[in-house]
Amino acid sequence: MRGFGKAAKVLQISVEEVEQGVASLTTVLARCVRYYLPRSQQLLLLADAGLQEVAREALADLLTERQEELYGEILSSVTSYRNLNWRLDIQVASRSLQQQSRPSYLLALATSNGVKHMEADFSVLKEVCAQLEAALAESRSAYSRRFQRFNK
């Protein structure tokens, strides 16, 4: 915060604008590294961010020089999906459940951080499915397509 205050004073803008600029630049640089973009695409992405030619060249040089090191750092901190195993269990008899069945799903989600075991009923899985479908529909929006253009 203290560094942002000094930068804001020198640039004669608010601290919030400096924080927002740093956050935006960090996002752009992380995206360049994460998708291992070549120098030409890095320059296009930095140009779209509104940076001047000198700044674009300097940042692209830095990214090209340290891309492998930064890529390793990002990969070590990202959790990624590996596998999902599931099983349907149905309790068909108990003293309290007469002539009723109670289904439940047992899930084993394998990620790069290990395996997580969960249990869910149909209504929970139906809600998760609805949320995933909404996210998929959002990913097909015009804004998302423009955003994804830089991630290829």
C-alpha atoms as a PDB file:
ATOM      1  CA  MET A   1       0.000   0.000   0.000  1.00  0.00           C
ATOM      2  CA  ARG A   2       2.758   2.391   0.890  1.00  0.00           C
ATOM      3  CA  GLY A   3       4.447   1.879  -2.491  1.00  0.00           C
ATOM      4  CA  PHE A   4       1.137   2.460  -4.244  1.00  0.00           C
ATOM      5  CA  GLY A   5       0.704   5.727  -2.354  1.00  0.00           C
ATOM      6  CA  LYS A   6       4.077   6.995  -3.520  1.00  0.00           C
ATOM      7  CA  ALA A   7       3.380   5.931  -7.103  1.00  0.00           C
ATOM      8  CA  ALA A   8      -0.044   7.592  -7.017  1.00  0.00           C
ATOM      9  CA  LYS A   9       1.480  10.817  -5.737  1.00  0.00           C
ATOM     10  CA  VAL A  10       4.141  10.841  -8.468  1.00  0.00           C
ATOM     11  CA  LEU A  11       1.606  10.023 -11.194  1.00  0.00           C
ATOM     12  CA  GLN A  12      -0.993  12.379  -9.688  1.00  0.00           C
ATOM     13  CA  ILE A  13      -3.740   9.768  -9.661  1.00  0.00           C
ATOM     14  CA  SER A  14      -5.612   7.938  -6.911  1.00  0.00           C
ATOM     15  CA  VAL A  15      -4.201   4.935  -5.048  1.00  0.00           C
ATOM     16  CA  GLU A  16      -7.145   2.827  -6.263  1.00  0.00           C
ATOM     17  CA  GLU A  17      -6.203   3.525  -9.886  1.00  0.00           C
ATOM     18  CA  VAL A  18      -2.627   2.411  -9.229  1.00  0.00           C
ATOM     19  CA  GLU A  19      -3.852  -0.762  -7.485  1.00  0.00           C
ATOM     20  CA  GLN A  20      -6.214  -1.498 -10.367  1.00  0.00           C
ATOM     21  CA  GLY A  21      -3.430  -0.953 -12.915  1.00  0.00           C
ATOM     22  CA  VAL A  22      -1.055  -3.267 -11.072  1.00  0.00           C
ATOM     23  CA  ALA A  23      -3.744  -5.942 -10.750  1.00  0.00           C
ATOM     24  CA  SER A  24      -4.585  -5.684 -14.456  1.00  0.00           C
ATOM     25  CA  LEU A  25      -0.956  -5.871 -15.512  1.00  0.00           C
ATOM     26  CA  THR A  26      -0.392  -8.860 -13.229  1.00  0.00           C
ATOM     27  CA  THR A  27      -3.358 -10.645 -14.808  1.00  0.00           C
ATOM     28  CA  VAL A  28      -2.098  -9.973 -18.338  1.00  0.00           C
ATOM     29  CA  LEU A  29       1.434 -11.132 -17.524  1.00  0.00           C
ATOM     30  CA  ALA A  30       0.192 -14.253 -15.735  1.00  0.00           C
ATOM     31  CA  ARG A  31      -1.971 -15.100 -18.737  1.00  0.00           C
ATOM     32  CA  CYS A  32       1.014 -14.702 -21.079  1.00  0.00           C
ATOM     33  CA  VAL A  33       3.049 -17.079 -18.942  1.00  0.00           C
ATOM     34  CA  ARG A  34       0.259 -19.574 -18.218  1.00  0.00           C
ATOM     35  CA  TYR A  35      -0.561 -20.106 -21.903  1.00  0.00           C
ATOM     36  CA  TYR A  36       3.118 -19.989 -22.894  1.00  0.00           C
ATOM     37  CA  LEU A  37       2.405 -17.372 -25.560  1.00  0.00           C
ATOM     38  CA  PRO A  38       5.072 -16.615 -28.160  1.00  0.00           C
ATOM     39  CA  ARG A  39       6.565 -13.121 -28.257  1.00  0.00           C
ATOM     40  CA  SER A  40       4.286 -11.950 -31.107  1.00  0.00           C
ATOM     41  CA  GLN A  41       1.118 -12.831 -29.167  1.00  0.00           C
ATOM     42  CA  GLN A  42       2.563 -11.330 -25.979  1.00  0.00           C
ATOM     43  CA  LEU A  43       3.046  -8.042 -27.821  1.00  0.00           C
ATOM     44  CA  LEU A  44      -0.531  -8.167 -29.154  1.00  0.00           C
ATOM     45  CA  LEU A  45      -1.951  -8.837 -25.702  1.00  0.00           C
ATOM     46  CA  LEU A  46       0.124  -6.047 -24.145  1.00  0.00           C
ATOM     47  CA  ALA A  47      -0.926  -3.676 -26.961  1.00  0.00           C
ATOM     48  CA  ASP A  48      -4.577  -4.496 -26.293  1.00  0.00           C
ATOM     49  CA  ALA A  49      -3.930  -3.640 -22.637  1.00  0.00           C
ATOM     50  CA  GLY A  50      -3.055  -0.106 -23.809  1.00  0.00           C
ATOM     51  CA  LEU A  51       0.668  -0.055 -23.043  1.00  0.00           C
ATOM     52  CA  GLN A  52       3.122   2.106 -24.957  1.00  0.00           C
ATOM     53  CA  GLU A  53       5.557   0.543 -27.444  1.00  0.00           C
ATOM     54  CA  VAL A  54       8.592   0.858 -25.155  1.00  0.00           C
ATOM     55  CA  ALA A  55       6.759  -0.741 -22.228  1.00  0.00           C
ATOM     56  CA  ARG A  56       5.427  -3.561 -24.426  1.00  0.00           C
ATOM     57  CA  GLU A  57       8.911  -4.358 -25.718  1.00  0.00           C
ATOM     58  CA  ALA A  58      10.456  -4.291 -22.227  1.00  0.00           C
ATOM     59  CA  LEU A  59       7.749  -6.557 -20.748  1.00  0.00           C
ATOM     60  CA  ALA A  60       7.902  -8.959 -23.701  1.00  0.00           C
ATOM     61  CA  ASP A  61      11.705  -9.179 -23.313  1.00  0.00           C
ATOM     62  CA  LEU A  62      11.326  -9.911 -19.594  1.00  0.00           C
ATOM     63  CA  LEU A  63       8.665 -12.554 -20.215  1.00  0.00           C
ATOM     64  CA  THR A  64      10.684 -14.230 -22.962  1.00  0.00           C
ATOM     65  CA  GLU A  65      13.779 -14.292 -20.778  1.00  0.00           C
ATOM     66  CA  ARG A  66      12.084 -15.725 -17.661  1.00  0.00           C
ATOM     67  CA  GLN A  67       9.108 -17.580 -19.152  1.00  0.00           C
ATOM     68  CA  GLU A  68      10.217 -21.099 -18.181  1.00  0.00           C
ATOM     69  CA  GLU A  69      10.894 -20.109 -14.572  1.00  0.00           C
ATOM     70  CA  LEU A  70       7.562 -18.277 -14.260  1.00  0.00           C
ATOM     71  CA  TYR A  71       5.675 -21.089 -16.005  1.00  0.00           C
ATOM     72  CA  GLY A  72       6.988 -23.568 -13.441  1.00  0.00           C
ATOM     73  CA  GLU A  73       5.851 -21.299 -10.598  1.00  0.00           C
ATOM     74  CA  ILE A  74       2.343 -20.973 -12.009  1.00  0.00           C
ATOM     75  CA  LEU A  75       2.006 -24.694 -12.702  1.00  0.00           C
ATOM     76  CA  SER A  76       3.003 -25.598  -9.170  1.00  0.00           C
ATOM     77  CA  SER A  77       0.230 -23.424  -7.716  1.00  0.00           C
ATOM     78  CA  VAL A  78      -2.643 -24.468 -10.018  1.00  0.00           C
ATOM     79  CA  THR A  79      -4.958 -27.338  -9.100  1.00  0.00           C
ATOM     80  CA  SER A  80      -6.019 -29.333 -12.124  1.00  0.00           C
ATOM     81  CA  TYR A  81      -8.626 -32.031 -12.689  1.00  0.00           C
ATOM     82  CA  ARG A  82      -7.369 -35.595 -13.150  1.00  0.00           C
ATOM     83  CA  ASN A  83     -10.326 -37.963 -12.810  1.00  0.00           C
ATOM     84  CA  LEU A  84     -13.793 -38.354 -11.285  1.00  0.00           C
ATOM     85  CA  ASN A  85     -15.018 -41.739 -10.087  1.00  0.00           C
ATOM     86  CA  TRP A  86     -18.541 -42.159  -8.779  1.00  0.00           C
ATOM     87  CA  ARG A  87     -20.760 -44.843  -7.354  1.00  0.00           C
ATOM     88  CA  LEU A  88     -24.510 -44.889  -6.716  1.00  0.00           C
ATOM     89  CA  ASP A  89     -25.459 -46.350  -3.330  1.00  0.00           C
ATOM     90  CA  ILE A  90     -29.085 -47.086  -2.555  1.00  0.00           C
ATOM     91  CA  GLN A  91     -30.235 -47.924   0.936  1.00  0.00           C
ATOM     92  CA  VAL A  92     -33.208 -50.199   0.405  1.00  0.00           C
ATOM     93  CA  ALA A  93     -34.100 -51.266   3.905  1.00  0.00           C
ATOM     94  CA  SER A  94     -33.881 -49.936   7.422  1.00  0.00           C
ATOM     95  CA  ARG A  95     -36.167 -49.675  10.410  1.00  0.00           C
ATOM     96  CA  SER A  96     -36.986 -46.033   9.680  1.00  0.00           C
ATOM     97  CA  LEU A  97     -37.273 -46.410   5.884  1.00  0.00           C
ATOM     98  CA  GLN A  98     -40.129 -48.796   5.268  1.00  0.00           C
ATOM     99  CA  GLN A  99     -40.857 -49.374   1.565  1.00  0.00           C
ATOM    100  CA  GLN A 100     -38.633 -46.416   0.613  1.00  0.00           C
ATOM    101  CA  SER A 101     -35.197 -46.146  -0.894  1.00  0.00           C
ATOM    102  CA  ARG A 102     -32.587 -43.472  -0.229  1.00  0.00           C
ATOM    103  CA  PRO A 103     -30.065 -43.027  -3.085  1.00  0.00           C
ATOM    104  CA  SER A 104     -26.764 -41.240  -2.608  1.00  0.00           C
ATOM    105  CA  TYR A 105     -23.749 -40.723  -4.835  1.00  0.00           C
ATOM    106  CA  LEU A 106     -20.231 -41.340  -3.609  1.00  0.00           C
ATOM    107  CA  LEU A 107     -17.678 -39.307  -5.541  1.00  0.00           C
ATOM    108  CA  ALA A 108     -13.887 -39.496  -5.654  1.00  0.00           C
ATOM    109  CA  LEU A 109     -12.445 -36.382  -7.318  1.00  0.00           C
ATOM    110  CA  ALA A 110      -8.786 -36.763  -8.242  1.00  0.00           C
ATOM    111  CA  THR A 111      -6.877 -33.487  -8.719  1.00  0.00           C
ATOM    112  CA  SER A 112      -3.213 -32.595  -8.901  1.00  0.00           C
ATOM    113  CA  ASN A 113      -3.382 -32.019  -5.112  1.00  0.00           C
ATOM    114  CA  GLY A 114      -4.736 -35.488  -4.286  1.00  0.00           C
ATOM    115  CA  VAL A 115      -8.086 -37.250  -4.042  1.00  0.00           C
ATOM    116  CA  LYS A 116     -11.133 -35.792  -2.313  1.00  0.00           C
ATOM    117  CA  HIS A 117     -14.054 -38.042  -1.333  1.00  0.00           C
ATOM    118  CA  MET A 118     -17.566 -36.627  -1.212  1.00  0.00           C
ATOM    119  CA  GLU A 119     -21.132 -37.817  -0.811  1.00  0.00           C
ATOM    120  CA  ALA A 120     -24.094 -36.086  -2.443  1.00  0.00           C
ATOM    121  CA  ASP A 121     -27.746 -36.733  -3.099  1.00  0.00           C
ATOM    122  CA  PHE A 122     -29.595 -36.198  -6.368  1.00  0.00           C
ATOM    123  CA  SER A 123     -30.795 -32.655  -5.595  1.00  0.00           C
ATOM    124  CA  VAL A 124     -27.255 -31.428  -4.874  1.00  0.00           C
ATOM    125  CA  LEU A 125     -25.892 -32.969  -8.084  1.00  0.00           C
ATOM    126  CA  LYS A 126     -28.791 -31.484 -10.048  1.00  0.00           C
ATOM    127  CA  GLU A 127     -27.950 -28.000  -8.692  1.00  0.00           C
ATOM    128  CA  VAL A 128     -24.255 -28.468  -9.515  1.00  0.00           C
ATOM    129  CA  CYS A 129     -25.209 -29.533 -13.034  1.00  0.00           C
ATOM    130  CA  ALA A 130     -27.412 -26.432 -13.447  1.00  0.00           C
ATOM    131  CA  GLN A 131     -24.567 -24.168 -12.299  1.00  0.00           C
ATOM    132  CA  LEU A 132     -22.119 -25.838 -14.694  1.00  0.00           C
ATOM    133  CA  GLU A 133     -24.562 -25.429 -17.575  1.00  0.00           C
ATOM    134  CA  ALA A 134     -24.970 -21.728 -16.702  1.00  0.00           C
ATOM    135  CA  ALA A 135     -21.180 -21.324 -16.670  1.00  0.00           C
ATOM    136  CA  LEU A 136     -20.954 -23.061 -20.047  1.00  0.00           C
ATOM    137  CA  ALA A 137     -23.615 -20.724 -21.481  1.00  0.00           C
ATOM    138  CA  GLU A 138     -21.662 -17.740 -20.109  1.00  0.00           C
ATOM    139  CA  SER A 139     -18.499 -19.018 -21.763  1.00  0.00           C
ATOM    140  CA  ARG A 140     -20.288 -18.811 -25.116  1.00  0.00           C
ATOM    141  CA  SER A 141     -21.155 -15.119 -24.689  1.00  0.00           C
ATOM    142  CA  ALA A 142     -19.579 -12.443 -26.888  1.00  0.00           C
ATOM    143  CA  TYR A 143     -17.476 -11.095 -24.024  1.00  0.00           C
ATOM    144  CA  SER A 144     -16.104 -14.534 -23.203  1.00  0.00           C
ATOM    145  CA  ARG A 145     -15.276 -15.279 -26.857  1.00  0.00           C
ATOM    146  CA  ARG A 146     -13.285 -12.038 -27.063  1.00  0.00           C
ATOM    147  CA  PHE A 147     -11.482 -12.911 -23.840  1.00  0.00           C
ATOM    148  CA  GLN A 148     -10.716 -16.444 -25.028  1.00  0.00           C
ATOM    149  CA  ARG A 149      -9.258 -15.130 -28.279  1.00  0.00           C
ATOM    150  CA  PHE A 150      -6.098 -14.209 -26.357  1.00  0.00           C
ATOM    151  CA  ASN A 151      -5.870 -17.557 -24.602  1.00  0.00           C
ATOM    152  CA  LYS A 152      -5.301 -19.660 -27.723  1.00  0.00           C
END
